[in-house]
C-alpha cells in the first residue's frame, strides 16, 4: 500500500479504537479534539482556511471538513498540517488534558490509527509540547508513507528500529534499517517510510526535539 503526497489525504468516519497488547483499549477517536486544535492553530495565526490550504498544500474543502469533523485525516495529511503550523504531529494530536501529566501509563497513552494505511502511532511521552517527544510507530506490511520536508524543517529526529525492517528514504538517499539500528535525520527533505515485508510489521521509536 502506497500513500503519497496526493490531495486525497482524508477518510470519512470517526477515529479508530486500538487494542493494546495488554488487552486495554486506547481511544483514538481524536476527531473533536483534533478539529478544535486545527481551528485554534489556524485562527491564532489569523489565517483564513485559504491561507492554511496554501501553506499546507491541501484544498480548502478538506480543511473545512476536518474542522467540522466530517472526515478523519490520514498520517500524510497530519504531516502537512503540522508542518504548516510549525508544530509536531504529537502536539497537533495531543488532547488538552494530557498537558499537565508527568506520568502517562501505557494504557493511557494515545493511540491513533491512520484510516487509510493502518499505520499505528502511539504517543509515549507524558507531556505534549515538551522539548523531547517519544512516539512509537507500527508500519503494516507492504506500506509506504511519504511526508513533505515541511514536516521536519523545525525538528531534530532520530529513528530507532524496535522490530522488523524499514526502508527509509531521505530525498534520494535510502537507508536499509533493521532491528537495533538508530538513524539521526539530516537536513529537511521529503522522507519516505516503507515496510517491504509481505507478512511482518515494522515497529520503530521516533525521538523528536523541536529546534
Protein backbone atom coordinates (compact mmCIF):
# COMPACT_ATOMS: atom_id res chain seq x y z
CA UNK A 1 0.00 0.00 0.00
CA UNK A 2 1.46 3.34 -1.02
CA UNK A 3 0.33 6.64 0.47
CA UNK A 4 1.95 9.62 -1.20
CA UNK A 5 1.61 13.35 -1.35
CA UNK A 6 -1.76 13.44 -3.07
CA UNK A 7 -4.74 15.61 -2.18
CA UNK A 8 -6.80 12.60 -1.07
CA UNK A 9 -5.42 12.52 2.45
CA UNK A 10 -8.66 12.17 4.37
CA UNK A 11 -11.10 9.36 5.02
CA UNK A 12 -14.68 9.56 6.17
CA UNK A 13 -15.59 8.21 9.57
CA UNK A 14 -14.52 8.57 13.21
CA UNK A 15 -11.16 7.74 14.75
CA UNK A 16 -10.29 4.13 15.47
CA UNK A 17 -10.08 2.12 18.68
CA UNK A 18 -6.85 0.19 19.10
CA UNK A 19 -6.43 -2.82 21.38
CA UNK A 20 -3.14 -2.73 23.23
CA UNK A 21 -1.16 -5.94 23.87
CA UNK A 22 -2.30 -5.79 27.48
CA UNK A 23 -5.90 -6.06 26.35
CA UNK A 24 -6.84 -2.49 27.18
CA UNK A 25 -8.38 -0.18 24.64
CA UNK A 26 -6.81 3.19 23.98
CA UNK A 27 -9.26 5.56 22.35
CA UNK A 28 -8.05 7.09 19.13
CA UNK A 29 -11.28 8.96 18.46
CA UNK A 30 -9.49 12.25 18.46
CA UNK A 31 -11.86 13.85 15.96
CA UNK A 32 -13.38 16.57 18.19
CA UNK A 33 -10.07 17.50 19.85
CA UNK A 34 -8.21 17.45 16.54
CA UNK A 35 -10.83 19.57 14.81
CA UNK A 36 -10.67 22.10 17.64
CA UNK A 37 -6.85 22.08 17.63
CA UNK A 38 -6.62 22.67 13.88
CA UNK A 39 -9.11 25.53 14.16
CA UNK A 40 -7.25 27.01 17.16
CA UNK A 41 -3.84 26.82 15.47
CA UNK A 42 -5.26 28.40 12.32
CA UNK A 43 -7.21 31.23 13.97
CA UNK A 44 -4.44 32.04 16.49
CA UNK A 45 -2.27 32.87 13.48
CA UNK A 46 -5.09 34.88 11.96
CA UNK A 47 -5.06 32.59 8.93
CA UNK A 48 -8.07 32.01 6.73
CA UNK A 49 -8.81 28.49 5.51
CA UNK A 50 -7.47 29.59 2.15
CA UNK A 51 -4.17 30.65 3.75
CA UNK A 52 -3.78 27.33 5.59
CA UNK A 53 -4.67 25.44 2.41
CA UNK A 54 -1.92 27.29 0.55
CA UNK A 55 0.70 26.71 3.24
CA UNK A 56 -0.16 23.03 3.76
CA UNK A 57 -0.68 22.20 0.11
CA UNK A 58 -4.20 20.85 0.55
CA UNK A 59 -7.61 22.03 -0.55
CA UNK A 60 -9.74 24.47 1.42
CA UNK A 61 -12.60 21.96 1.26
CA UNK A 62 -10.52 19.34 3.11
CA UNK A 63 -9.60 21.74 5.89
CA UNK A 64 -13.24 22.71 6.25
CA UNK A 65 -14.25 19.04 6.53
CA UNK A 66 -11.58 18.35 9.16
CA UNK A 67 -12.65 21.34 11.27
CA UNK A 68 -16.30 20.25 11.00
CA UNK A 69 -15.37 16.64 11.96
CA UNK A 70 -16.74 15.34 8.68
CA UNK A 71 -13.64 13.28 7.89
CA UNK A 72 -10.54 11.81 9.51
CA UNK A 73 -7.17 12.97 8.16
CA UNK A 74 -4.51 10.44 7.22
CA UNK A 75 -0.95 10.44 8.56
CA UNK A 76 0.29 12.27 5.48
CA UNK A 77 -2.38 14.94 5.87
CA UNK A 78 -1.43 15.41 9.55
CA UNK A 79 2.19 15.78 8.48
CA UNK A 80 1.23 18.54 6.06
CA UNK A 81 -0.87 20.40 8.60
CA UNK A 82 1.68 20.14 11.42
CA UNK A 83 4.39 21.31 9.02
CA UNK A 84 2.32 24.34 8.02
CA UNK A 85 1.79 25.24 11.69
CA UNK A 86 5.42 24.59 12.64
CA UNK A 87 4.49 22.05 15.33
CA UNK A 88 4.99 18.31 15.65
CA UNK A 89 2.29 15.75 14.85
CA UNK A 90 2.31 14.81 18.56
CA UNK A 91 1.37 18.36 19.52
CA UNK A 92 -1.33 18.52 16.88
CA UNK A 93 -2.87 15.23 18.04
CA UNK A 94 -2.47 15.76 21.77
CA UNK A 95 -5.54 16.24 23.90
CA UNK A 96 -5.59 19.28 26.16
CA UNK A 97 -5.87 17.26 29.37
CA UNK A 98 -2.55 15.47 28.72
CA UNK A 99 -0.56 18.70 29.01
CA UNK A 100 -0.33 18.61 32.80
CA UNK A 101 0.63 14.92 33.25
CA UNK A 102 4.18 13.88 34.08
CA UNK A 103 3.37 10.16 34.32
CA UNK A 104 1.43 8.54 31.50
CA UNK A 105 0.61 4.86 31.98
CA UNK A 106 0.80 2.54 28.99
CA UNK A 107 -2.96 2.13 28.83
CA UNK A 108 -3.42 5.92 28.95
CA UNK A 109 -1.16 6.69 26.00
CA UNK A 110 -2.96 7.99 22.96
CA UNK A 111 -3.03 5.52 20.08
CA UNK A 112 -4.05 6.75 16.64
CA UNK A 113 -4.55 4.66 13.50
CA UNK A 114 -4.30 6.06 10.00
CA UNK A 115 -7.68 5.20 8.43
CA UNK A 116 -6.08 4.66 5.04
CA UNK A 117 -2.83 2.75 5.60
CA UNK A 118 -3.36 1.11 9.01
CA UNK A 119 -0.23 2.89 10.35
CA UNK A 120 -0.44 2.94 14.16
CA UNK A 121 1.03 5.81 16.15
CA UNK A 122 1.41 5.73 19.97
CA UNK A 123 2.25 8.94 21.83
CA UNK A 124 4.60 7.63 24.54
CA UNK A 125 5.68 10.90 26.15
CA UNK A 126 3.55 12.19 29.04
CA UNK A 127 3.70 15.91 28.27
CA UNK A 128 2.55 17.23 24.91
CA UNK A 129 4.69 20.08 23.65
CA UNK A 130 7.70 19.16 25.84
CA UNK A 131 11.16 19.61 24.25
CA UNK A 132 11.52 15.82 23.89
CA UNK A 133 8.71 13.71 22.48
CA UNK A 134 8.79 9.93 22.05
CA UNK A 135 6.49 8.26 19.53
CA UNK A 136 6.16 4.54 18.78
CA UNK A 137 5.04 3.65 15.26
CA UNK A 138 3.88 0.36 13.77
CA UNK A 139 4.02 0.26 9.99
CA UNK A 140 1.99 -2.60 8.44
CA UNK A 141 3.47 -4.90 5.77
CA UNK A 142 3.62 -3.56 2.23
CA UNK A 143 3.01 0.02 3.36
CA UNK A 144 4.76 3.16 2.16
CA UNK A 145 4.22 6.68 3.52
CA UNK A 146 5.82 9.87 2.21
CA UNK A 147 5.94 13.05 4.29
CA UNK A 148 6.93 16.52 3.00
CA UNK A 149 10.11 18.29 4.07
CA UNK A 150 7.97 20.94 5.77
CA UNK A 151 7.03 18.37 8.43
CA UNK A 152 10.69 18.12 9.51
CA UNK A 153 12.06 21.63 8.96
CA UNK A 154 11.77 22.64 12.63
CA UNK A 155 12.50 19.26 14.26
CA UNK A 156 15.51 17.16 15.23
CA UNK A 157 14.58 13.47 14.94
CA UNK A 158 16.12 10.07 15.47
CA UNK A 159 14.65 6.69 14.46
CA UNK A 160 15.31 3.54 16.48
CA UNK A 161 14.10 0.27 14.95
CA UNK A 162 12.39 -1.98 17.53
CA UNK A 163 11.42 -4.87 15.23
CA UNK A 164 11.26 -5.71 11.54
CA UNK A 165 12.95 -3.80 8.73
CA UNK A 166 12.40 -0.28 7.47
CA UNK A 167 13.41 1.20 4.13
CA UNK A 168 13.77 4.87 4.94
CA UNK A 169 14.30 7.41 2.19
CA UNK A 170 15.71 10.89 2.78
CA UNK A 171 15.29 12.53 -0.60
CA UNK A 172 17.47 10.46 -2.98
CA UNK A 173 19.23 8.61 -0.13
CA UNK A 174 17.83 5.29 1.08
CA UNK A 175 18.67 3.65 4.41
CA UNK A 176 18.02 -0.06 4.95
CA UNK A 177 17.34 -0.23 8.68
CA UNK A 178 16.90 -3.35 10.82
CA UNK A 179 16.22 -4.10 14.48
CA UNK A 180 18.51 -2.12 16.79
CA UNK A 181 19.63 0.41 14.19
CA UNK A 182 19.34 4.10 15.08
CA UNK A 183 19.37 6.88 12.48
CA UNK A 184 19.62 10.63 13.01
CA UNK A 185 17.75 12.52 10.32
CA UNK A 186 19.68 15.06 8.30
CA UNK A 187 18.61 18.30 6.64
CA UNK A 188 14.86 18.53 5.92
CA UNK A 189 13.83 16.72 2.74
CA UNK A 190 10.81 14.67 1.70
CA UNK A 191 11.01 11.43 3.70
CA UNK A 192 9.59 8.01 2.85
CA UNK A 193 8.89 5.22 5.34
CA UNK A 194 8.43 1.84 3.66
CA UNK A 195 7.87 -1.66 5.03
CA UNK A 196 8.54 -4.05 2.16
CA UNK A 197 7.81 -7.20 4.14
CA UNK A 198 4.80 -9.22 3.00
CA UNK A 199 4.00 -10.52 6.47
CA UNK A 200 5.73 -8.67 9.33
CA UNK A 201 5.02 -5.19 10.66
CA UNK A 202 7.89 -2.81 11.39
CA UNK A 203 7.96 -1.09 14.77
CA UNK A 204 10.17 1.90 15.47
CA UNK A 205 10.59 4.66 18.03
CA UNK A 206 10.86 8.29 16.96
CA UNK A 207 12.61 10.71 19.30
CA UNK A 208 11.64 14.29 18.43
CA UNK A 209 13.15 17.53 19.70
CA UNK A 210 11.93 20.90 18.42
CA UNK A 211 14.67 23.29 17.32
